[in-house]
Amino acid sequence: MTKVWRFGATSRSRLAACHPDMQRVVNRALELSLVDITVVCGHRSQAEQAALYAQGRTETGPIVTYVDGVERLSMHNYSPSRAVDLAPYIAGRGIVWNEALYWDQIERAMKRAADELDIALEWGGDWKRFVDKPHWQMKSGG
């Protein structure tokens, strides 16, 4: 029996702020995925981006972005957002950040969905300088 995942209200709201092509890919990926997926972030204001950029620099916490939202916009800063952050969600545990198997399942589902729909995406998990597994963004011109 195949598990049918459904986004909750918060994930649906976050995804609704994304580009329609991104929405199509993420919704198809959820249908394909072997793990439940939650939408952590869709659109992000410049102020929210600046606050994330301050983290690990002038504020406590680890560095989570190299894009300040002022001099350089994140793909999250566009309206609609050209980026989405996704994470594996396990019932009874919540978001599971540190188990490679779940990230691999999301990667496979997202890449297959993007291929099926002929929508060019790039994954932060493939980046060399700063690996960002939750991050998916549309390639230029999309």
N, C-alpha and C. Protein backbone atom coordinates (compact mmCIF):
# COMPACT_ATOMS: atom_id res chain seq x y z
N MET A 1 0.84 -1.18 0.00
CA MET A 1 0.00 0.00 0.00
C MET A 1 0.89 1.25 0.00
N THR A 2 0.61 2.18 -0.87
CA THR A 2 1.38 3.40 -0.98
C THR A 2 0.83 4.45 -0.04
N LYS A 3 1.73 5.13 0.64
CA LYS A 3 1.34 6.21 1.55
C LYS A 3 1.06 7.47 0.74
N VAL A 4 -0.05 8.11 1.03
CA VAL A 4 -0.39 9.37 0.38
C VAL A 4 -0.17 10.49 1.39
N TRP A 5 0.80 11.34 1.09
CA TRP A 5 1.11 12.46 1.97
C TRP A 5 0.27 13.66 1.57
N ARG A 6 -0.04 14.51 2.53
CA ARG A 6 -0.77 15.75 2.26
C ARG A 6 -0.11 16.87 3.08
N PHE A 7 0.06 18.03 2.44
CA PHE A 7 0.61 19.17 3.16
C PHE A 7 -0.40 19.70 4.14
N GLY A 8 0.08 20.10 5.32
CA GLY A 8 -0.75 20.78 6.30
C GLY A 8 -0.96 22.23 5.90
N ALA A 9 -1.78 22.92 6.67
CA ALA A 9 -2.13 24.31 6.35
C ALA A 9 -0.91 25.22 6.30
N THR A 10 0.03 25.05 7.21
CA THR A 10 1.22 25.91 7.23
C THR A 10 2.07 25.68 5.99
N SER A 11 2.30 24.42 5.64
CA SER A 11 3.08 24.12 4.43
C SER A 11 2.37 24.65 3.18
N ARG A 12 1.06 24.48 3.11
CA ARG A 12 0.31 24.98 1.95
C ARG A 12 0.43 26.50 1.83
N SER A 13 0.36 27.19 2.96
CA SER A 13 0.48 28.65 2.95
C SER A 13 1.87 29.09 2.50
N ARG A 14 2.89 28.43 3.00
CA ARG A 14 4.27 28.77 2.61
C ARG A 14 4.50 28.49 1.13
N LEU A 15 3.98 27.37 0.65
CA LEU A 15 4.16 27.01 -0.76
C LEU A 15 3.38 27.94 -1.68
N ALA A 16 2.24 28.45 -1.22
CA ALA A 16 1.42 29.35 -2.03
C ALA A 16 2.15 30.64 -2.39
N ALA A 17 3.17 31.01 -1.61
CA ALA A 17 3.94 32.22 -1.87
C ALA A 17 5.06 31.98 -2.89
N CYS A 18 5.14 30.76 -3.41
CA CYS A 18 6.18 30.40 -4.37
C CYS A 18 5.67 30.50 -5.80
N HIS A 19 6.60 30.61 -6.73
CA HIS A 19 6.31 30.63 -8.16
C HIS A 19 5.45 29.41 -8.51
N PRO A 20 4.48 29.56 -9.40
CA PRO A 20 3.61 28.44 -9.76
C PRO A 20 4.36 27.19 -10.23
N ASP A 21 5.47 27.36 -10.96
CA ASP A 21 6.24 26.19 -11.39
C ASP A 21 6.86 25.48 -10.19
N MET A 22 7.33 26.24 -9.21
CA MET A 22 7.88 25.63 -8.01
C MET A 22 6.78 24.86 -7.27
N GLN A 23 5.61 25.45 -7.19
CA GLN A 23 4.48 24.78 -6.54
C GLN A 23 4.19 23.44 -7.23
N ARG A 24 4.20 23.45 -8.55
CA ARG A 24 3.92 22.21 -9.29
C ARG A 24 4.95 21.14 -8.97
N VAL A 25 6.21 21.50 -8.95
CA VAL A 25 7.27 20.52 -8.66
C VAL A 25 7.12 19.98 -7.25
N VAL A 26 6.94 20.86 -6.28
CA VAL A 26 6.86 20.42 -4.88
C VAL A 26 5.63 19.54 -4.67
N ASN A 27 4.51 19.91 -5.24
CA ASN A 27 3.31 19.08 -5.09
C ASN A 27 3.50 17.70 -5.73
N ARG A 28 4.13 17.66 -6.90
CA ARG A 28 4.39 16.37 -7.54
C ARG A 28 5.40 15.57 -6.73
N ALA A 29 6.41 16.22 -6.19
CA ALA A 29 7.41 15.53 -5.36
C ALA A 29 6.75 14.89 -4.14
N LEU A 30 5.80 15.56 -3.55
CA LEU A 30 5.11 15.00 -2.39
C LEU A 30 4.38 13.72 -2.79
N GLU A 31 3.81 13.69 -3.99
CA GLU A 31 3.14 12.48 -4.48
C GLU A 31 4.14 11.34 -4.68
N LEU A 32 5.35 11.65 -5.09
CA LEU A 32 6.38 10.65 -5.39
C LEU A 32 7.18 10.21 -4.17
N SER A 33 7.22 11.04 -3.15
CA SER A 33 8.15 10.85 -2.04
C SER A 33 7.80 9.64 -1.16
N LEU A 34 8.85 8.99 -0.69
CA LEU A 34 8.71 7.90 0.27
C LEU A 34 8.70 8.41 1.71
N VAL A 35 8.94 9.72 1.88
CA VAL A 35 8.94 10.34 3.21
C VAL A 35 8.04 11.57 3.14
N ASP A 36 7.38 11.87 4.25
CA ASP A 36 6.55 13.07 4.31
C ASP A 36 7.47 14.29 4.25
N ILE A 37 6.99 15.34 3.62
CA ILE A 37 7.77 16.56 3.43
C ILE A 37 7.02 17.73 4.05
N THR A 38 7.74 18.61 4.71
CA THR A 38 7.16 19.86 5.20
C THR A 38 7.86 21.03 4.50
N VAL A 39 7.09 22.08 4.26
CA VAL A 39 7.65 23.29 3.66
C VAL A 39 8.09 24.19 4.81
N VAL A 40 9.38 24.39 4.93
CA VAL A 40 9.96 25.18 6.01
C VAL A 40 9.89 26.67 5.68
N CYS A 41 10.11 27.02 4.41
CA CYS A 41 10.11 28.42 4.01
C CYS A 41 9.83 28.53 2.52
N GLY A 42 9.02 29.52 2.17
CA GLY A 42 8.80 29.88 0.78
C GLY A 42 9.35 31.28 0.59
N HIS A 43 8.46 32.27 0.52
CA HIS A 43 8.90 33.67 0.39
C HIS A 43 9.50 34.14 1.71
N ARG A 44 10.52 34.96 1.59
CA ARG A 44 11.17 35.55 2.76
C ARG A 44 11.36 37.04 2.47
N SER A 45 10.95 37.89 3.40
CA SER A 45 11.14 39.33 3.22
C SER A 45 12.62 39.67 3.30
N GLN A 46 12.97 40.86 2.82
CA GLN A 46 14.37 41.30 2.90
C GLN A 46 14.80 41.42 4.36
N ALA A 47 13.89 41.85 5.23
CA ALA A 47 14.21 41.96 6.66
C ALA A 47 14.48 40.59 7.26
N GLU A 48 13.67 39.60 6.88
CA GLU A 48 13.90 38.22 7.37
C GLU A 48 15.22 37.69 6.85
N GLN A 49 15.54 38.00 5.59
CA GLN A 49 16.81 37.56 5.01
C GLN A 49 17.98 38.22 5.74
N ALA A 50 17.87 39.50 6.01
CA ALA A 50 18.93 40.21 6.72
C ALA A 50 19.15 39.63 8.12
N ALA A 51 18.05 39.25 8.79
CA ALA A 51 18.16 38.65 10.12
C ALA A 51 18.87 37.30 10.05
N LEU A 52 18.56 36.50 9.03
CA LEU A 52 19.25 35.22 8.86
C LEU A 52 20.73 35.43 8.55
N TYR A 53 21.02 36.45 7.75
CA TYR A 53 22.41 36.75 7.42
C TYR A 53 23.20 37.17 8.66
N ALA A 54 22.56 37.87 9.58
CA ALA A 54 23.22 38.31 10.81
C ALA A 54 23.59 37.12 11.71
N GLN A 55 22.83 36.04 11.58
CA GLN A 55 23.08 34.86 12.41
C GLN A 55 24.49 34.33 12.13
N GLY A 56 25.25 34.13 13.19
CA GLY A 56 26.62 33.65 13.05
C GLY A 56 27.62 34.76 12.77
N ARG A 57 27.10 35.97 12.62
CA ARG A 57 27.97 37.12 12.38
C ARG A 57 27.82 38.10 13.54
N THR A 58 26.73 38.85 13.54
CA THR A 58 26.50 39.79 14.64
C THR A 58 25.50 39.25 15.66
N GLU A 59 24.86 38.13 15.33
CA GLU A 59 23.91 37.48 16.24
C GLU A 59 24.37 36.06 16.50
N THR A 60 23.85 35.45 17.56
CA THR A 60 24.25 34.09 17.90
C THR A 60 23.65 33.09 16.91
N GLY A 61 24.30 31.94 16.83
CA GLY A 61 23.83 30.86 15.97
C GLY A 61 24.79 30.59 14.84
N PRO A 62 24.54 29.50 14.13
CA PRO A 62 25.42 29.15 13.01
C PRO A 62 25.09 29.99 11.78
N ILE A 63 26.07 30.14 10.91
CA ILE A 63 25.84 30.80 9.62
C ILE A 63 24.94 29.89 8.79
N VAL A 64 23.84 30.45 8.28
CA VAL A 64 22.90 29.67 7.48
C VAL A 64 22.70 30.24 6.08
N THR A 65 23.31 31.39 5.79
CA THR A 65 23.21 31.97 4.45
C THR A 65 24.38 32.91 4.20
N TYR A 66 24.71 33.05 2.92
CA TYR A 66 25.74 34.00 2.51
C TYR A 66 25.12 35.14 1.70
N VAL A 67 23.80 35.23 1.69
CA VAL A 67 23.06 36.25 0.95
C VAL A 67 22.41 37.17 1.97
N ASP A 68 22.74 38.47 1.90
CA ASP A 68 22.30 39.41 2.93
C ASP A 68 20.90 39.98 2.75
N GLY A 69 20.31 39.86 1.56
CA GLY A 69 18.97 40.40 1.34
C GLY A 69 18.96 41.89 1.06
N VAL A 70 20.12 42.52 1.06
CA VAL A 70 20.23 43.95 0.77
C VAL A 70 21.08 44.14 -0.48
N GLU A 71 22.37 43.81 -0.37
CA GLU A 71 23.26 43.91 -1.53
C GLU A 71 22.96 42.82 -2.56
N ARG A 72 22.53 41.70 -2.06
CA ARG A 72 22.24 40.55 -2.92
C ARG A 72 20.99 39.86 -2.42
N LEU A 73 20.01 39.68 -3.30
CA LEU A 73 18.76 39.04 -2.91
C LEU A 73 18.87 37.52 -2.98
N SER A 74 18.18 36.88 -2.07
CA SER A 74 18.01 35.44 -2.11
C SER A 74 16.88 35.13 -3.10
N MET A 75 16.87 33.95 -3.65
CA MET A 75 15.76 33.53 -4.49
C MET A 75 14.47 33.48 -3.67
N HIS A 76 14.58 33.41 -2.35
CA HIS A 76 13.41 33.48 -1.46
C HIS A 76 12.81 34.88 -1.42
N ASN A 77 13.60 35.90 -1.74
CA ASN A 77 13.16 37.29 -1.62
C ASN A 77 12.27 37.76 -2.76
N TYR A 78 12.23 37.02 -3.84
CA TYR A 78 11.37 37.40 -4.96
C TYR A 78 9.92 37.10 -4.62
N SER A 79 9.02 37.81 -5.30
CA SER A 79 7.60 37.58 -5.08
C SER A 79 6.94 37.37 -6.44
N PRO A 80 6.53 36.15 -6.75
CA PRO A 80 6.56 34.98 -5.88
C PRO A 80 7.98 34.43 -5.72
N SER A 81 8.16 33.71 -4.64
CA SER A 81 9.47 33.15 -4.32
C SER A 81 9.92 32.18 -5.40
N ARG A 82 11.19 32.28 -5.73
CA ARG A 82 11.78 31.35 -6.70
C ARG A 82 12.56 30.24 -5.98
N ALA A 83 12.37 30.18 -4.65
CA ALA A 83 13.04 29.15 -3.85
C ALA A 83 12.08 28.63 -2.79
N VAL A 84 12.38 27.42 -2.35
CA VAL A 84 11.61 26.81 -1.26
C VAL A 84 12.58 25.99 -0.42
N ASP A 85 12.35 25.97 0.87
CA ASP A 85 13.11 25.10 1.76
C ASP A 85 12.18 24.00 2.22
N LEU A 86 12.62 22.76 2.04
CA LEU A 86 11.84 21.58 2.40
C LEU A 86 12.60 20.76 3.42
N ALA A 87 11.88 19.97 4.21
CA ALA A 87 12.53 19.08 5.17
C ALA A 87 11.68 17.84 5.36
N PRO A 88 12.33 16.73 5.74
CA PRO A 88 11.58 15.51 6.03
C PRO A 88 10.83 15.65 7.35
N TYR A 89 9.59 15.19 7.35
CA TYR A 89 8.76 15.25 8.55
C TYR A 89 8.35 13.83 8.91
N ILE A 90 8.68 13.41 10.12
CA ILE A 90 8.37 12.06 10.58
C ILE A 90 7.37 12.15 11.73
N ALA A 91 6.23 11.50 11.57
CA ALA A 91 5.19 11.52 12.60
C ALA A 91 5.77 11.09 13.94
N GLY A 92 5.47 11.85 14.97
CA GLY A 92 5.96 11.55 16.31
C GLY A 92 7.34 12.10 16.60
N ARG A 93 8.05 12.54 15.55
CA ARG A 93 9.40 13.08 15.73
C ARG A 93 9.51 14.51 15.24
N GLY A 94 8.69 14.90 14.30
CA GLY A 94 8.78 16.23 13.72
C GLY A 94 9.79 16.26 12.59
N ILE A 95 10.39 17.43 12.38
CA ILE A 95 11.40 17.56 11.34
C ILE A 95 12.65 16.81 11.77
N VAL A 96 13.18 16.02 10.86
CA VAL A 96 14.39 15.24 11.13
C VAL A 96 15.51 15.82 10.27
N TRP A 97 16.42 16.51 10.92
CA TRP A 97 17.46 17.26 10.20
C TRP A 97 18.69 16.43 9.85
N ASN A 98 18.99 15.38 10.61
CA ASN A 98 20.31 14.76 10.49
C ASN A 98 20.30 13.30 10.06
N GLU A 99 19.32 12.89 9.27
CA GLU A 99 19.30 11.51 8.78
C GLU A 99 19.32 11.52 7.26
N ALA A 100 20.46 11.12 6.70
CA ALA A 100 20.71 11.20 5.26
C ALA A 100 19.65 10.49 4.43
N LEU A 101 19.15 9.36 4.90
CA LEU A 101 18.17 8.59 4.14
C LEU A 101 16.97 9.45 3.76
N TYR A 102 16.48 10.24 4.69
CA TYR A 102 15.30 11.07 4.41
C TYR A 102 15.60 12.18 3.41
N TRP A 103 16.77 12.79 3.52
CA TRP A 103 17.16 13.83 2.57
C TRP A 103 17.33 13.23 1.18
N ASP A 104 17.88 12.01 1.10
CA ASP A 104 18.03 11.33 -0.19
C ASP A 104 16.67 11.08 -0.83
N GLN A 105 15.67 10.74 -0.02
CA GLN A 105 14.34 10.48 -0.56
C GLN A 105 13.70 11.77 -1.11
N ILE A 106 13.88 12.87 -0.40
CA ILE A 106 13.37 14.15 -0.90
C ILE A 106 14.11 14.55 -2.18
N GLU A 107 15.43 14.39 -2.19
CA GLU A 107 16.21 14.72 -3.38
C GLU A 107 15.70 13.94 -4.59
N ARG A 108 15.51 12.63 -4.44
CA ARG A 108 15.04 11.81 -5.56
C ARG A 108 13.66 12.27 -6.04
N ALA A 109 12.76 12.52 -5.10
CA ALA A 109 11.40 12.93 -5.47
C ALA A 109 11.40 14.28 -6.17
N MET A 110 12.16 15.24 -5.65
CA MET A 110 12.19 16.58 -6.25
C MET A 110 12.83 16.54 -7.64
N LYS A 111 13.93 15.83 -7.79
CA LYS A 111 14.60 15.78 -9.10
C LYS A 111 13.74 15.05 -10.12
N ARG A 112 13.06 13.99 -9.70
CA ARG A 112 12.17 13.28 -10.62
C ARG A 112 10.99 14.17 -11.02
N ALA A 113 10.39 14.86 -10.05
CA ALA A 113 9.27 15.75 -10.33
C ALA A 113 9.69 16.86 -11.29
N ALA A 114 10.85 17.47 -11.04
CA ALA A 114 11.33 18.55 -11.91
C ALA A 114 11.57 18.02 -13.32
N ASP A 115 12.13 16.82 -13.44
CA ASP A 115 12.35 16.22 -14.76
C ASP A 115 11.02 15.95 -15.47
N GLU A 116 10.08 15.35 -14.75
CA GLU A 116 8.77 15.04 -15.34
C GLU A 116 8.09 16.30 -15.86
N LEU A 117 8.20 17.39 -15.11
CA LEU A 117 7.51 18.64 -15.45
C LEU A 117 8.35 19.57 -16.31
N ASP A 118 9.59 19.15 -16.59
CA ASP A 118 10.52 19.93 -17.41
C ASP A 118 10.72 21.34 -16.84
N ILE A 119 10.98 21.38 -15.52
CA ILE A 119 11.24 22.63 -14.82
C ILE A 119 12.65 22.55 -14.23
N ALA A 120 13.50 23.48 -14.61
CA ALA A 120 14.91 23.46 -14.20
C ALA A 120 15.07 24.00 -12.78
N LEU A 121 15.55 23.14 -11.90
CA LEU A 121 15.81 23.51 -10.51
C LEU A 121 17.26 23.20 -10.16
N GLU A 122 17.73 23.85 -9.12
CA GLU A 122 19.00 23.44 -8.53
C GLU A 122 18.78 23.22 -7.04
N TRP A 123 19.54 22.29 -6.51
CA TRP A 123 19.42 21.88 -5.12
C TRP A 123 20.63 22.33 -4.33
N GLY A 124 20.38 22.96 -3.18
CA GLY A 124 21.46 23.38 -2.30
C GLY A 124 22.30 22.23 -1.79
N GLY A 125 21.77 21.02 -1.82
CA GLY A 125 22.53 19.83 -1.41
C GLY A 125 23.64 19.48 -2.38
N ASP A 126 23.55 20.01 -3.61
CA ASP A 126 24.60 19.78 -4.61
C ASP A 126 25.68 20.85 -4.59
N TRP A 127 25.48 21.91 -3.81
CA TRP A 127 26.45 22.99 -3.77
C TRP A 127 27.73 22.55 -3.07
N LYS A 128 28.84 23.10 -3.49
CA LYS A 128 30.14 22.75 -2.90
C LYS A 128 30.55 23.70 -1.78
N ARG A 129 30.33 25.01 -1.99
CA ARG A 129 30.79 26.00 -1.01
C ARG A 129 29.98 25.92 0.28
N PHE A 130 28.68 25.80 0.14
CA PHE A 130 27.79 25.83 1.30
C PHE A 130 26.65 24.87 1.03
N VAL A 131 26.74 23.67 1.54
CA VAL A 131 25.70 22.66 1.32
C VAL A 131 24.45 23.06 2.11
N ASP A 132 23.33 23.15 1.41
CA ASP A 132 22.07 23.61 2.01
C ASP A 132 20.96 22.66 1.57
N LYS A 133 20.88 21.50 2.24
CA LYS A 133 19.96 20.44 1.81
C LYS A 133 18.49 20.84 1.78
N PRO A 134 18.00 21.71 2.66
CA PRO A 134 16.58 22.07 2.54
C PRO A 134 16.26 22.92 1.31
N HIS A 135 17.26 23.59 0.73
CA HIS A 135 17.03 24.63 -0.30
C HIS A 135 16.92 24.09 -1.72
N TRP A 136 15.84 24.51 -2.39
CA TRP A 136 15.62 24.26 -3.81
C TRP A 136 15.31 25.58 -4.47
N GLN A 137 15.90 25.86 -5.63
CA GLN A 137 15.61 27.12 -6.30
C GLN A 137 15.51 26.90 -7.80
N MET A 138 14.75 27.78 -8.42
CA MET A 138 14.60 27.75 -9.87
C MET A 138 15.88 28.26 -10.50
N LYS A 139 16.25 27.67 -11.62
CA LYS A 139 17.41 28.16 -12.34
C LYS A 139 17.02 29.42 -13.07
N SER A 140 17.98 30.24 -13.40
CA SER A 140 17.73 31.52 -14.07
C SER A 140 16.86 31.36 -15.30
N GLY A 141 15.99 32.34 -15.51
CA GLY A 141 15.16 32.36 -16.69
C GLY A 141 13.86 31.58 -16.56
N GLY A 142 13.67 30.91 -15.40
CA GLY A 142 12.47 30.09 -15.23
C GLY A 142 11.25 30.86 -14.86
